[in-house]
């Protein structure tokens, strides 16, 4: 149901990592994810005048465990697992009094999540690397279509809701490399 209702606008992560031994590292970070309702909901008219513009925003903190496998002096493949806790809320909810959305679900919720990630990193100088990455986020909360007031739509309430909220990320990033002074 979540993928039927929402599409991702962006996800931004910022982490500080420290190498523990060999190519293994641990870090802490902040995550911000932003979703907007899908196009079929934009085409639905609320009170025949206002289109839906509901958002789902998540802010979270995470711990990062990773391993870098160098394939040359100019690049490496990174494998990481981010695990954390996110505070989520729905914004711009259209008021709805239909029985399909009652009882109303919460507009804010919190949930733990895991996010395995793989990246190809290209070192451009001694202190900077650019990357392309793929990750899959699993947030341990089941989507409730009554919370953003979407349960009245047949496209939503006939869709399976057997898995927790999840999404795929494809993106670009950069890493600032700090060398040991040894």
Protein backbone atom coordinates (compact mmCIF):
# COMPACT_ATOMS: atom_id res chain seq x y z
CA UNK A 1 0.00 0.00 0.00
CA UNK A 2 2.79 2.43 0.84
CA UNK A 3 4.28 2.20 -2.67
CA UNK A 4 0.82 2.64 -4.17
CA UNK A 5 0.26 5.84 -2.19
CA UNK A 6 3.69 7.49 -2.13
CA UNK A 7 6.71 8.11 -4.34
CA UNK A 8 10.05 9.33 -3.05
CA UNK A 9 11.19 12.88 -3.70
CA UNK A 10 14.58 12.54 -2.02
CA UNK A 11 16.55 10.93 0.76
CA UNK A 12 19.60 12.60 2.26
CA UNK A 13 22.00 10.88 4.65
CA UNK A 14 24.95 12.36 6.46
CA UNK A 15 27.33 10.20 8.47
CA UNK A 16 30.66 10.41 10.23
CA UNK A 17 32.62 7.17 10.02
CA UNK A 18 35.78 5.91 11.67
CA UNK A 19 37.91 3.05 10.44
CA UNK A 20 38.18 0.40 13.13
CA UNK A 21 40.59 -2.11 11.55
CA UNK A 22 41.60 -3.10 8.03
CA UNK A 23 38.80 -1.77 5.81
CA UNK A 24 35.99 -2.08 8.37
CA UNK A 25 34.42 1.08 9.76
CA UNK A 26 31.65 2.21 12.10
CA UNK A 27 29.77 5.49 12.06
CA UNK A 28 26.78 7.51 13.20
CA UNK A 29 24.47 9.49 11.00
CA UNK A 30 21.31 11.43 10.27
CA UNK A 31 18.71 10.52 7.63
CA UNK A 32 15.96 12.66 6.06
CA UNK A 33 13.45 11.08 3.67
CA UNK A 34 10.64 12.90 1.87
CA UNK A 35 7.74 11.27 -0.01
CA UNK A 36 4.83 12.80 -1.93
CA UNK A 37 1.51 11.17 -2.78
CA UNK A 38 1.45 9.39 -6.16
CA UNK A 39 -0.01 10.86 -9.33
CA UNK A 40 -3.36 9.08 -9.21
CA UNK A 41 -4.03 10.89 -5.92
CA UNK A 42 -2.98 14.22 -7.44
CA UNK A 43 -5.70 13.71 -10.00
CA UNK A 44 -8.34 13.06 -7.36
CA UNK A 45 -10.12 16.23 -6.41
CA UNK A 46 -10.99 16.97 -2.84
CA UNK A 47 -14.14 19.11 -2.54
CA UNK A 48 -13.90 19.41 -6.37
CA UNK A 49 -11.28 22.18 -6.03
CA UNK A 50 -8.10 21.14 -4.21
CA UNK A 51 -5.82 18.30 -5.45
CA UNK A 52 -4.07 16.07 -2.93
CA UNK A 53 -0.55 17.14 -1.96
CA UNK A 54 0.07 14.91 1.06
CA UNK A 55 3.67 14.33 2.15
CA UNK A 56 5.38 11.80 4.39
CA UNK A 57 8.57 13.10 6.00
CA UNK A 58 10.96 10.99 8.08
CA UNK A 59 13.91 12.15 10.19
CA UNK A 60 16.10 9.62 11.87
CA UNK A 61 19.42 8.75 13.45
CA UNK A 62 21.39 5.64 12.55
CA UNK A 63 24.48 3.57 13.27
CA UNK A 64 26.50 2.55 10.22
CA UNK A 65 28.67 -0.56 9.87
CA UNK A 66 30.65 -0.95 6.69
CA UNK A 67 33.45 -2.47 4.72
CA UNK A 68 35.39 -0.94 1.80
CA UNK A 69 36.95 -3.19 -0.82
CA UNK A 70 39.51 -1.33 -2.92
CA UNK A 71 39.83 -2.35 -6.58
CA UNK A 72 42.54 0.22 -7.40
CA UNK A 73 44.16 3.32 -5.98
CA UNK A 74 41.34 5.33 -7.56
CA UNK A 75 38.28 3.39 -6.44
CA UNK A 76 36.54 1.04 -4.08
CA UNK A 77 33.25 -0.76 -3.53
CA UNK A 78 31.53 0.02 -0.24
CA UNK A 79 29.20 -2.33 1.61
CA UNK A 80 27.29 -0.84 4.54
CA UNK A 81 24.37 -1.45 6.85
CA UNK A 82 22.58 1.53 8.39
CA UNK A 83 20.23 0.75 11.24
CA UNK A 84 18.36 3.37 13.18
CA UNK A 85 15.15 4.94 14.37
CA UNK A 86 13.00 7.41 12.40
CA UNK A 87 10.35 9.90 13.45
CA UNK A 88 7.79 10.20 10.64
CA UNK A 89 4.83 12.45 10.03
CA UNK A 90 2.27 13.12 7.34
CA UNK A 91 1.93 16.72 6.15
CA UNK A 92 -0.82 18.46 4.15
CA UNK A 93 -3.45 15.87 5.03
CA UNK A 94 -6.76 16.72 3.40
CA UNK A 95 -9.50 16.62 6.03
CA UNK A 96 -11.80 13.73 5.30
CA UNK A 97 -14.86 12.63 7.18
CA UNK A 98 -15.66 9.48 5.17
CA UNK A 99 -16.31 6.32 7.13
CA UNK A 100 -13.54 4.54 5.18
CA UNK A 101 -10.93 6.60 7.05
CA UNK A 102 -12.40 6.17 10.52
CA UNK A 103 -11.09 5.72 13.08
CA UNK A 104 -8.36 8.13 12.02
CA UNK A 105 -4.82 6.80 12.16
CA UNK A 106 -1.98 8.77 13.76
CA UNK A 107 -0.44 11.61 11.75
CA UNK A 108 2.94 10.96 13.43
CA UNK A 109 4.67 7.67 14.12
CA UNK A 110 8.12 6.33 15.00
CA UNK A 111 9.78 3.19 13.70
CA UNK A 112 13.11 1.37 13.59
CA UNK A 113 14.64 0.69 10.17
CA UNK A 114 17.50 -1.10 8.44
CA UNK A 115 19.13 -0.03 5.19
CA UNK A 116 21.71 -2.24 3.47
CA UNK A 117 23.72 -0.32 0.89
CA UNK A 118 26.26 -1.00 -1.85
CA UNK A 119 28.23 1.75 -3.56
CA UNK A 120 30.90 2.25 -6.21
CA UNK A 121 33.27 5.01 -5.09
CA UNK A 122 35.72 6.88 -7.29
CA UNK A 123 38.55 8.79 -5.61
CA UNK A 124 39.20 12.08 -7.44
CA UNK A 125 42.01 13.32 -5.19
CA UNK A 126 43.50 12.50 -1.79
CA UNK A 127 40.52 13.88 0.13
CA UNK A 128 37.43 13.42 -2.03
CA UNK A 129 35.52 10.50 -3.55
CA UNK A 130 32.27 10.46 -5.52
CA UNK A 131 29.92 7.50 -5.51
CA UNK A 132 26.86 5.91 -7.03
CA UNK A 133 24.88 3.68 -4.72
CA UNK A 134 21.92 1.36 -4.31
CA UNK A 135 20.12 0.76 -1.02
CA UNK A 136 16.91 -0.87 0.16
CA UNK A 137 15.23 0.55 3.26
CA UNK A 138 12.92 -1.54 5.42
CA UNK A 139 11.06 0.48 8.04
CA UNK A 140 9.45 -1.71 10.68
CA UNK A 141 6.02 -0.12 10.58
CA UNK A 142 3.02 -1.25 8.59
CA UNK A 143 1.44 1.47 6.47
CA UNK A 144 -1.99 2.62 7.65
CA UNK A 145 -3.89 4.30 4.78
CA UNK A 146 -6.26 5.91 7.30
CA UNK A 147 -3.42 8.08 8.64
CA UNK A 148 -2.97 10.18 5.46
CA UNK A 149 -6.74 9.74 4.75
CA UNK A 150 -6.29 7.58 1.61
CA UNK A 151 -8.41 4.55 2.55
CA UNK A 152 -11.44 5.69 0.53
CA UNK A 153 -9.63 5.14 -2.79
CA UNK A 154 -10.12 1.76 -4.48
CA UNK A 155 -6.54 1.85 -5.81
CA UNK A 156 -5.37 1.88 -2.19
CA UNK A 157 -7.77 -0.29 -0.19
CA UNK A 158 -7.63 -3.16 -2.71
CA UNK A 159 -3.81 -3.29 -2.63
CA UNK A 160 -1.94 -5.82 -0.51
CA UNK A 161 -0.49 -4.59 2.78
CA UNK A 162 1.41 -7.75 3.80
CA UNK A 163 4.85 -6.17 4.29
CA UNK A 164 6.20 -3.30 6.33
CA UNK A 165 7.02 0.04 4.69
CA UNK A 166 10.01 -0.23 2.33
CA UNK A 167 11.64 1.61 -0.54
CA UNK A 168 14.58 1.51 -2.94
CA UNK A 169 17.18 4.26 -3.26
CA UNK A 170 19.37 4.89 -6.28
CA UNK A 171 21.62 7.85 -5.86
CA UNK A 172 24.88 9.71 -5.89
CA UNK A 173 27.05 10.77 -3.00
CA UNK A 174 30.42 12.00 -1.96
CA UNK A 175 32.90 11.16 0.76
CA UNK A 176 35.44 13.46 2.35
CA UNK A 177 38.47 11.31 3.15
CA UNK A 178 40.60 12.16 6.16
CA UNK A 179 43.96 10.38 6.16
CA UNK A 180 45.68 9.07 9.27
CA UNK A 181 48.54 11.31 10.39
CA UNK A 182 50.75 8.26 11.01
